[in-house]
Amino acid sequence: MTQWQYNSSNAHDFQVNGDHVLFHVPSTALFYLDPIGSQLISFLKTTDSVSERELCQKLSEHANWTEVQQALGEFKSLGIIADEPAVNDEKPLNVERFPLNTVVLNVNTGCNLSCTYCYKEDLETAANGSKMTLETARQSIDLLLVEGSSQERFNVVFFGGEPLTNLPLIKAAVDYAERRCAEEGKQVDFSMTTNATMLTEEVVDYLDSHRFGLAVSMDGPKAIHDKNRITTSGNGTYEVVRRKVAMLLSRYRSRPVGARVTLTRGTTDVLAIHQHLKDELGFFEVGFAPVTAGDIASFNLTDEELVEVFANMKALGLQYRDAAVKGINNGFSNMHQLMTDLHEGAKKVLPCGAGVGLLSVDAKGKLNLCHRFTGSDFPTFGSVTEGVDKPALGNFLETAASRANKGCERCRIRNLCAGGCYHESYIQYGDPHHPTYGFCDLMRDWVDFGISVYTEILKKNPGFFAQHVTPRTVSRSTLPATALG
């Protein structure tokens, strides 16, 4: 007689406000379990294996033989149960195509500030930085068009240092990108992260006319911001940044402007920072980047602080939930990204687009895995003159995609995390493929929290996702339950 076993690596269930919810790990789909499915999952988790007859007897109060068999068949089709021990059936990833859609141009290694926690290993003062030439920028854009020939839309990101210290190059590169993309029948967007100190009305109007996606590096109220974001002479920059941001937000119309917050040791009050930047200064959204593996250990959050940060992010996530129920996006971008991943059924083989959809070009034209590796001692993957070193890059990505012997192959968030940031791993372990184990429990808890927020919003105001999030695209199963989304 067939014996059924529960495959815990493919399913994760929990209660949300009285509803039994199942997270199907392989597809990242979410379901409300009906009474049969709920009883079935609950019983299977208590035993190593069980026969259909035993299941039918156990569930006799809730279902007849036919209903149990139907439920078993549906659970089996999803890999939630099996009649033999679960095995890792991961198929090796073979990377042969690199459909670029984004290129990051590091236009100057120089910066007019001297932020104490900056991870850029090649950082110089603005005057002494290595500036990218127009020829290199043009070659970068040409490479993007060749390698991304199957794409319809591209993104050119300007990065530094402080990118506005090389504004003439930015303007020339924008002109070239717009002309070349028009010739090829493609569309192009531009993005930039800036410290805002060099913004003028003329600069803002130029960026607005070309629809730049802008993010401003700002760490919060004056006391927090001035602790680390200082000039080369050691003075805080909050007041000048606040004035520049007020001017920017008063005249920028083409796209919403966000703030990027770096959380360092001693800074954990996520709610107060968000309230200041979003509600008082007027940013559209605020994203938080906890420092855990910086080159200067004294800036890294302690384990206790990291737990506190996540607890505060969850508190802000509840505010996001309450606003979403009213049809409002409160601008907490970390939570909004998780909501988007869940709603779209994101299924990651790799942790990010670095090396596949995105490459970063340094001032010498070398191709880096992403902007965070630019200026480091990590090997590059070709150049804008020689092209992409596809064998080396393919080998890197194939290794990154393999979850064997990493503890990731049975993790319930493996298709949302995919191992974590390459750069974080490289700084912490000297190996970009090493999972960031220190984050694992916190990330699993964060995703669980996100699922509870998602299901509650979906139940109380499903229109929020149609209004604020791309419609879900994952296919739905015939699981004995109601699919969410």
Foldseek 3Di string as FASTA:
>chain_A
DFKKAFQLLQWDWDDFPNWIKIQGQQLRFIFGFDPLRVQVVVVRVVDGIDDLVVSQVSCVVPDHSVVSVVQVVQCVVSVRMDSDDDDQPDDFDFDDAFQAQEEEEAQWQAAQWCFPQDQFQQYDHLVPTQGADLVLLLLRLVLNCVRNVVDQEHEYEYHYNARVSPVVSVVSSLVSNVVVSVVSNHYYAYEYEHCLLPDDPVNLVVCLVRLYAYEHEAAADQVRRQVGTGGPVNGGCVVSSLVSLLSNVVPRDRDFYEYEHEQWAPDQQPVRRLCCVCVVSNGQAYEYDAAAQGPDRNGHYDLVSVVSNLVNVLVVVVVQLVQLLVLDGSRHVVLVVLLQCSQQSQFDLAQDSFLRHYWYQYSVFFTASDPSCPNPPDDTAGGSVGHGNVVVSSVVSSLLSDCPPQPLSSQSCCRNRSQHALVSCCSVPVGSSHRPVSCRVVVVVSSVSSVSSNVSSCVSPVVSCVVPYDGHDRDDGPNNGGIGD
